[in-house]
């Protein structure tokens, strides 16, 4: 990469980083004291709006065969 392009890329990254930090409001958030559910526990039903604004709940998605919700943290 030519030198002017590297300088521009560095300046752009710095500007984006400063803008991201400047947009934060308030201080650090205290850690949650919520207890983790036991393995294989049934999740409580909750409702949240989908991308169209329609409220959806876990019971709506379960269907006749139930629903398995898997979250994968990943290892990088």
PDB file of N, CA and C in Angstrom:
ATOM      1  N   UNK A   1       0.859  -1.166   0.000  1.00  0.00           N
ATOM      2  CA  UNK A   1       0.000   0.000   0.000  1.00  0.00           C
ATOM      3  C   UNK A   1       0.907   1.230   0.000  1.00  0.00           C
ATOM      4  N   UNK A   2       0.658   2.188  -0.885  1.00  0.00           N
ATOM      5  CA  UNK A   2       1.483   3.398  -0.920  1.00  0.00           C
ATOM      6  C   UNK A   2       1.347   4.193   0.379  1.00  0.00           C
ATOM      7  N   UNK A   3       2.373   4.977   0.659  1.00  0.00           N
ATOM      8  CA  UNK A   3       2.412   5.734   1.914  1.00  0.00           C
ATOM      9  C   UNK A   3       1.207   6.654   2.107  1.00  0.00           C
ATOM     10  N   UNK A   4       0.764   7.438   1.105  1.00  0.00           N
ATOM     11  CA  UNK A   4      -0.407   8.297   1.333  1.00  0.00           C
ATOM     12  C   UNK A   4      -1.659   7.489   1.697  1.00  0.00           C
ATOM     13  N   UNK A   5      -1.814   6.325   1.107  1.00  0.00           N
ATOM     14  CA  UNK A   5      -2.981   5.496   1.423  1.00  0.00           C
ATOM     15  C   UNK A   5      -2.893   4.979   2.853  1.00  0.00           C
ATOM     16  N   UNK A   6      -1.695   4.619   3.310  1.00  0.00           N
ATOM     17  CA  UNK A   6      -1.525   4.151   4.693  1.00  0.00           C
ATOM     18  C   UNK A   6      -1.819   5.267   5.680  1.00  0.00           C
ATOM     19  N   UNK A   7      -1.351   6.471   5.381  1.00  0.00           N
ATOM     20  CA  UNK A   7      -1.599   7.613   6.264  1.00  0.00           C
ATOM     21  C   UNK A   7      -3.096   7.901   6.322  1.00  0.00           C
ATOM     22  N   UNK A   8      -3.768   7.861   5.176  1.00  0.00           N
ATOM     23  CA  UNK A   8      -5.210   8.093   5.151  1.00  0.00           C
ATOM     24  C   UNK A   8      -5.948   7.011   5.930  1.00  0.00           C
ATOM     25  N   UNK A   9      -5.557   5.753   5.755  1.00  0.00           N
ATOM     26  CA  UNK A   9      -6.215   4.648   6.468  1.00  0.00           C
ATOM     27  C   UNK A   9      -6.025   4.798   7.970  1.00  0.00           C
ATOM     28  N   UNK A  10      -4.831   5.159   8.406  1.00  0.00           N
ATOM     29  CA  UNK A  10      -4.566   5.356   9.832  1.00  0.00           C
ATOM     30  C   UNK A  10      -5.401   6.510  10.375  1.00  0.00           C
ATOM     31  N   UNK A  11      -5.454   7.618   9.634  1.00  0.00           N
ATOM     32  CA  UNK A  11      -6.248   8.767  10.078  1.00  0.00           C
ATOM     33  C   UNK A  11      -7.733   8.412  10.145  1.00  0.00           C
ATOM     34  N   UNK A  12      -8.222   7.649   9.182  1.00  0.00           N
ATOM     35  CA  UNK A  12      -9.632   7.245   9.187  1.00  0.00           C
ATOM     36  C   UNK A  12      -9.937   6.355  10.381  1.00  0.00           C
ATOM     37  N   UNK A  13      -9.057   5.403  10.683  1.00  0.00           N
ATOM     38  CA  UNK A  13      -9.263   4.523  11.835  1.00  0.00           C
ATOM     39  C   UNK A  13      -9.242   5.317  13.139  1.00  0.00           C
ATOM     40  N   UNK A  14      -8.343   6.251  13.256  1.00  0.00           N
ATOM     41  CA  UNK A  14      -8.287   7.077  14.466  1.00  0.00           C
ATOM     42  C   UNK A  14      -9.552   7.918  14.610  1.00  0.00           C
ATOM     43  N   UNK A  15     -10.012   8.507  13.515  1.00  0.00           N
ATOM     44  CA  UNK A  15     -11.221   9.333  13.573  1.00  0.00           C
ATOM     45  C   UNK A  15     -12.438   8.500  13.956  1.00  0.00           C
ATOM     46  N   UNK A  16     -12.555   7.303  13.408  1.00  0.00           N
ATOM     47  CA  UNK A  16     -13.683   6.428  13.749  1.00  0.00           C
ATOM     48  C   UNK A  16     -13.604   6.018  15.212  1.00  0.00           C
ATOM     49  N   UNK A  17     -12.414   5.684  15.698  1.00  0.00           N
ATOM     50  CA  UNK A  17     -12.255   5.302  17.102  1.00  0.00           C
ATOM     51  C   UNK A  17     -12.598   6.431  18.051  1.00  0.00           C
ATOM     52  N   UNK A  18     -12.157   7.632  17.737  1.00  0.00           N
ATOM     53  CA  UNK A  18     -12.463   8.789  18.588  1.00  0.00           C
ATOM     54  C   UNK A  18     -13.954   9.083  18.562  1.00  0.00           C
ATOM     55  N   UNK A  19     -14.574   9.010  17.382  1.00  0.00           N
ATOM     56  CA  UNK A  19     -16.015   9.253  17.283  1.00  0.00           C
ATOM     57  C   UNK A  19     -16.802   8.207  18.064  1.00  0.00           C
ATOM     58  N   UNK A  20     -16.367   6.959  18.028  1.00  0.00           N
ATOM     59  CA  UNK A  20     -17.066   5.897  18.760  1.00  0.00           C
ATOM     60  C   UNK A  20     -16.959   6.118  20.264  1.00  0.00           C
ATOM     61  N   UNK A  21     -15.788   6.513  20.730  1.00  0.00           N
ATOM     62  CA  UNK A  21     -15.610   6.759  22.165  1.00  0.00           C
ATOM     63  C   UNK A  21     -16.356   8.011  22.613  1.00  0.00           C
ATOM     64  N   UNK A  22     -16.413   9.020  21.771  1.00  0.00           N
ATOM     65  CA  UNK A  22     -17.086  10.265  22.137  1.00  0.00           C
ATOM     66  C   UNK A  22     -18.591  10.080  22.215  1.00  0.00           C
ATOM     67  N   UNK A  23     -19.128   9.107  21.490  1.00  0.00           N
ATOM     68  CA  UNK A  23     -20.563   8.879  21.490  1.00  0.00           C
ATOM     69  C   UNK A  23     -21.073   8.153  22.715  1.00  0.00           C
ATOM     70  N   UNK A  24     -20.184   7.625  23.547  1.00  0.00           N
ATOM     71  CA  UNK A  24     -20.618   6.895  24.736  1.00  0.00           C
ATOM     72  C   UNK A  24     -21.072   7.869  25.805  1.00  0.00           C
ATOM     73  N   UNK A  25     -22.153   7.517  26.482  1.00  0.00           N
ATOM     74  CA  UNK A  25     -22.687   8.350  27.553  1.00  0.00           C
ATOM     75  C   UNK A  25     -22.661   7.567  28.853  1.00  0.00           C
ATOM     76  N   UNK A  26     -22.417   8.243  29.940  1.00  0.00           N
ATOM     77  CA  UNK A  26     -22.446   7.597  31.252  1.00  0.00           C
ATOM     78  C   UNK A  26     -21.167   6.825  31.529  1.00  0.00           C
ATOM     79  N   UNK A  27     -21.144   6.238  32.691  1.00  0.00           N
ATOM     80  CA  UNK A  27     -19.979   5.483  33.109  1.00  0.00           C
ATOM     81  C   UNK A  27     -20.143   4.005  32.822  1.00  0.00           C
ATOM     82  N   UNK A  28     -19.256   3.216  33.388  1.00  0.00           N
ATOM     83  CA  UNK A  28     -19.338   1.779  33.177  1.00  0.00           C
ATOM     84  C   UNK A  28     -20.602   1.198  33.803  1.00  0.00           C
ATOM     85  N   UNK A  29     -21.076   0.124  33.245  1.00  0.00           N
ATOM     86  CA  UNK A  29     -22.282  -0.538  33.734  1.00  0.00           C
ATOM     87  C   UNK A  29     -21.884  -1.599  34.750  1.00  0.00           C
ATOM     88  N   UNK A  30     -22.601  -1.634  35.866  1.00  0.00           N
ATOM     89  CA  UNK A  30     -22.309  -2.620  36.903  1.00  0.00           C
ATOM     90  C   UNK A  30     -22.644  -4.018  36.393  1.00  0.00           C
ATOM     91  N   UNK A  31     -21.861  -5.008  36.784  1.00  0.00           N
ATOM     92  CA  UNK A  31     -22.156  -6.372  36.348  1.00  0.00           C
ATOM     93  C   UNK A  31     -23.487  -6.858  36.905  1.00  0.00           C
ATOM     94  N   UNK A  32     -24.136  -7.713  36.168  1.00  0.00           N
ATOM     95  CA  UNK A  32     -25.431  -8.253  36.574  1.00  0.00           C
ATOM     96  C   UNK A  32     -25.244  -9.320  37.646  1.00  0.00           C
ATOM     97  N   UNK A  33     -26.186  -9.392  38.556  1.00  0.00           N
ATOM     98  CA  UNK A  33     -26.150 -10.405  39.612  1.00  0.00           C
ATOM     99  C   UNK A  33     -27.144 -11.534  39.328  1.00  0.00           C
ATOM    100  N   UNK A  34     -27.616 -11.634  38.105  1.00  0.00           N
ATOM    101  CA  UNK A  34     -28.595 -12.659  37.754  1.00  0.00           C
ATOM    102  C   UNK A  34     -27.960 -14.042  37.835  1.00  0.00           C
ATOM    103  N   UNK A  35     -28.742 -14.980  38.302  1.00  0.00           N
ATOM    104  CA  UNK A  35     -28.282 -16.360  38.391  1.00  0.00           C
ATOM    105  C   UNK A  35     -28.460 -17.041  37.036  1.00  0.00           C
ATOM    106  N   UNK A  36     -27.537 -17.895  36.697  1.00  0.00           N
ATOM    107  CA  UNK A  36     -27.654 -18.654  35.456  1.00  0.00           C
ATOM    108  C   UNK A  36     -28.676 -19.768  35.642  1.00  0.00           C
ATOM    109  N   UNK A  37     -29.487 -20.026  34.632  1.00  0.00           N
ATOM    110  CA  UNK A  37     -30.444 -21.128  34.758  1.00  0.00           C
ATOM    111  C   UNK A  37     -29.707 -22.465  34.723  1.00  0.00           C
ATOM    112  N   UNK A  38     -30.282 -23.482  35.314  1.00  0.00           N
ATOM    113  CA  UNK A  38     -29.634 -24.800  35.264  1.00  0.00           C
ATOM    114  C   UNK A  38     -29.666 -25.351  33.841  1.00  0.00           C
ATOM    115  N   UNK A  39     -28.779 -26.260  33.517  1.00  0.00           N
ATOM    116  CA  UNK A  39     -28.796 -26.854  32.176  1.00  0.00           C
ATOM    117  C   UNK A  39     -30.139 -27.515  31.880  1.00  0.00           C
ATOM    118  N   UNK A  40     -30.587 -27.403  30.657  1.00  0.00           N
ATOM    119  CA  UNK A  40     -31.825 -27.998  30.150  1.00  0.00           C
ATOM    120  C   UNK A  40     -33.081 -27.413  30.793  1.00  0.00           C
ATOM    121  N   UNK A  41     -32.967 -26.238  31.390  1.00  0.00           N
ATOM    122  CA  UNK A  41     -34.135 -25.590  31.993  1.00  0.00           C
ATOM    123  C   UNK A  41     -35.021 -25.007  30.893  1.00  0.00           C
ATOM    124  N   UNK A  42     -36.301 -24.939  31.158  1.00  0.00           N
ATOM    125  CA  UNK A  42     -37.246 -24.342  30.217  1.00  0.00           C
ATOM    126  C   UNK A  42     -37.162 -22.825  30.349  1.00  0.00           C
ATOM    127  N   UNK A  43     -36.978 -22.151  29.225  1.00  0.00           N
ATOM    128  CA  UNK A  43     -36.881 -20.690  29.239  1.00  0.00           C
ATOM    129  C   UNK A  43     -38.258 -20.085  29.487  1.00  0.00           C
ATOM    130  N   UNK A  44     -38.332 -19.012  30.271  1.00  0.00           N
ATOM    131  CA  UNK A  44     -39.629 -18.360  30.475  1.00  0.00           C
ATOM    132  C   UNK A  44     -40.084 -17.683  29.182  1.00  0.00           C
ATOM    133  N   UNK A  45     -41.394 -17.635  28.985  1.00  0.00           N
ATOM    134  CA  UNK A  45     -41.929 -16.991  27.791  1.00  0.00           C
ATOM    135  C   UNK A  45     -41.769 -15.475  27.922  1.00  0.00           C
ATOM    136  N   UNK A  46     -41.343 -14.833  26.867  1.00  0.00           N
ATOM    137  CA  UNK A  46     -41.244 -13.376  26.843  1.00  0.00           C
ATOM    138  C   UNK A  46     -41.631 -12.899  25.461  1.00  0.00           C
ATOM    139  N   UNK A  47     -41.999 -11.644  25.353  1.00  0.00           N
ATOM    140  CA  UNK A  47     -42.432 -11.076  24.080  1.00  0.00           C
ATOM    141  C   UNK A  47     -41.535  -9.890  23.727  1.00  0.00           C
ATOM    142  N   UNK A  48     -41.096  -9.857  22.483  1.00  0.00           N
ATOM    143  CA  UNK A  48     -40.311  -8.743  21.952  1.00  0.00           C
ATOM    144  C   UNK A  48     -40.809  -8.456  20.533  1.00  0.00           C
ATOM    145  N   UNK A  49     -40.677  -7.216  20.065  1.00  0.00           N
ATOM    146  CA  UNK A  49     -41.109  -6.922  18.698  1.00  0.00           C
ATOM    147  C   UNK A  49     -40.107  -7.468  17.677  1.00  0.00           C
ATOM    148  N   UNK A  50     -40.638  -7.998  16.560  1.00  0.00           N
ATOM    149  CA  UNK A  50     -39.760  -8.447  15.489  1.00  0.00           C
ATOM    150  C   UNK A  50     -39.403  -7.264  14.591  1.00  0.00           C
ATOM    151  N   UNK A  51     -38.797  -7.535  13.452  1.00  0.00           N
ATOM    152  CA  UNK A  51     -38.335  -6.456  12.574  1.00  0.00           C
ATOM    153  C   UNK A  51     -39.478  -5.643  11.974  1.00  0.00           C
ATOM    154  N   UNK A  52     -40.704  -6.181  11.991  1.00  0.00           N
ATOM    155  CA  UNK A  52     -41.853  -5.435  11.470  1.00  0.00           C
ATOM    156  C   UNK A  52     -42.643  -4.752  12.576  1.00  0.00           C
ATOM    157  N   UNK A  53     -42.233  -4.954  13.834  1.00  0.00           N
ATOM    158  CA  UNK A  53     -42.923  -4.345  14.961  1.00  0.00           C
ATOM    159  C   UNK A  53     -43.980  -5.235  15.585  1.00  0.00           C
ATOM    160  N   UNK A  54     -44.209  -6.414  15.016  1.00  0.00           N
ATOM    161  CA  UNK A  54     -45.191  -7.349  15.564  1.00  0.00           C
ATOM    162  C   UNK A  54     -44.612  -8.038  16.794  1.00  0.00           C
ATOM    163  N   UNK A  55     -45.324  -8.017  17.929  1.00  0.00           N
ATOM    164  CA  UNK A  55     -44.810  -8.701  19.123  1.00  0.00           C
ATOM    165  C   UNK A  55     -44.753 -10.216  18.901  1.00  0.00           C
ATOM    166  N   UNK A  56     -43.633 -10.816  19.227  1.00  0.00           N
ATOM    167  CA  UNK A  56     -43.446 -12.268  19.105  1.00  0.00           C
ATOM    168  C   UNK A  56     -42.957 -12.802  20.442  1.00  0.00           C
ATOM    169  N   UNK A  57     -43.356 -14.002  20.746  1.00  0.00           N
ATOM    170  CA  UNK A  57     -42.928 -14.644  21.986  1.00  0.00           C
ATOM    171  C   UNK A  57     -42.394 -16.035  21.708  1.00  0.00           C
ATOM    172  N   UNK A  58     -41.748 -16.618  22.707  1.00  0.00           N
ATOM    173  CA  UNK A  58     -41.230 -17.967  22.537  1.00  0.00           C
ATOM    174  C   UNK A  58     -42.358 -18.959  22.289  1.00  0.00           C
ATOM    175  N   UNK A  59     -43.493 -18.761  22.952  1.00  0.00           N
ATOM    176  CA  UNK A  59     -44.622 -19.673  22.760  1.00  0.00           C
ATOM    177  C   UNK A  59     -45.122 -19.617  21.314  1.00  0.00           C
ATOM    178  N   UNK A  60     -45.039 -18.447  20.671  1.00  0.00           N
ATOM    179  CA  UNK A  60     -45.462 -18.320  19.274  1.00  0.00           C
ATOM    180  C   UNK A  60     -44.558 -19.131  18.345  1.00  0.00           C
ATOM    181  N   UNK A  61     -43.292 -19.240  18.691  1.00  0.00           N
ATOM    182  CA  UNK A  61     -42.318 -19.902  17.828  1.00  0.00           C
ATOM    183  C   UNK A  61     -42.206 -21.394  18.097  1.00  0.00           C
ATOM    184  N   UNK A  62     -42.678 -21.853  19.246  1.00  0.00           N
ATOM    185  CA  UNK A  62     -42.466 -23.238  19.653  1.00  0.00           C
ATOM    186  C   UNK A  62     -43.135 -24.226  18.712  1.00  0.00           C
ATOM    187  N   UNK A  63     -44.361 -23.998  18.334  1.00  0.00           N
ATOM    188  CA  UNK A  63     -45.053 -24.927  17.452  1.00  0.00           C
ATOM    189  C   UNK A  63     -45.371 -26.244  18.152  1.00  0.00           C
ATOM    190  N   UNK A  64     -45.847 -27.246  17.404  1.00  0.00           N
ATOM    191  CA  UNK A  64     -46.269 -28.497  18.024  1.00  0.00           C
ATOM    192  C   UNK A  64     -45.109 -29.351  18.537  1.00  0.00           C
ATOM    193  N   UNK A  65     -43.909 -29.135  18.037  1.00  0.00           N
ATOM    194  CA  UNK A  65     -42.779 -29.975  18.431  1.00  0.00           C
ATOM    195  C   UNK A  65     -41.825 -29.276  19.390  1.00  0.00           C
ATOM    196  N   UNK A  66     -42.158 -28.100  19.831  1.00  0.00           N
ATOM    197  CA  UNK A  66     -41.292 -27.373  20.744  1.00  0.00           C
ATOM    198  C   UNK A  66     -40.263 -26.536  20.004  1.00  0.00           C
ATOM    199  N   UNK A  67     -39.376 -25.957  20.751  1.00  0.00           N
ATOM    200  CA  UNK A  67     -38.368 -25.065  20.199  1.00  0.00           C
ATOM    201  C   UNK A  67     -37.069 -25.274  20.961  1.00  0.00           C
ATOM    202  N   UNK A  68     -35.976 -25.376  20.254  1.00  0.00           N
ATOM    203  CA  UNK A  68     -34.662 -25.459  20.879  1.00  0.00           C
ATOM    204  C   UNK A  68     -33.926 -24.178  20.531  1.00  0.00           C
ATOM    205  N   UNK A  69     -33.521 -23.450  21.556  1.00  0.00           N
ATOM    206  CA  UNK A  69     -32.789 -22.206  21.364  1.00  0.00           C
ATOM    207  C   UNK A  69     -31.342 -22.454  21.753  1.00  0.00           C
ATOM    208  N   UNK A  70     -30.430 -22.304  20.808  1.00  0.00           N
ATOM    209  CA  UNK A  70     -29.016 -22.568  21.044  1.00  0.00           C
ATOM    210  C   UNK A  70     -28.256 -21.266  20.872  1.00  0.00           C
ATOM    211  N   UNK A  71     -27.448 -20.934  21.849  1.00  0.00           N
ATOM    212  CA  UNK A  71     -26.552 -19.790  21.721  1.00  0.00           C
ATOM    213  C   UNK A  71     -25.130 -20.320  21.714  1.00  0.00           C
ATOM    214  N   UNK A  72     -24.336 -19.840  20.801  1.00  0.00           N
ATOM    215  CA  UNK A  72     -22.967 -20.315  20.650  1.00  0.00           C
ATOM    216  C   UNK A  72     -22.020 -19.156  20.883  1.00  0.00           C
ATOM    217  N   UNK A  73     -21.234 -19.241  21.923  1.00  0.00           N
ATOM    218  CA  UNK A  73     -20.271 -18.192  22.233  1.00  0.00           C
ATOM    219  C   UNK A  73     -19.111 -18.179  21.267  1.00  0.00           C
ATOM    220  N   UNK A  74     -18.694 -19.332  20.854  1.00  0.00           N
ATOM    221  CA  UNK A  74     -17.564 -19.425  19.942  1.00  0.00           C
ATOM    222  C   UNK A  74     -16.230 -19.322  20.668  1.00  0.00           C
ATOM    223  N   UNK A  75     -15.208 -19.786  20.027  1.00  0.00           N
ATOM    224  CA  UNK A  75     -13.844 -19.701  20.569  1.00  0.00           C
ATOM    225  C   UNK A  75     -12.945 -19.199  19.459  1.00  0.00           C
ATOM    226  N   UNK A  76     -12.468 -17.989  19.623  1.00  0.00           N
ATOM    227  CA  UNK A  76     -11.601 -17.415  18.605  1.00  0.00           C
ATOM    228  C   UNK A  76     -10.239 -17.202  19.158  1.00  0.00           C
TER     229      UNK A  76
END
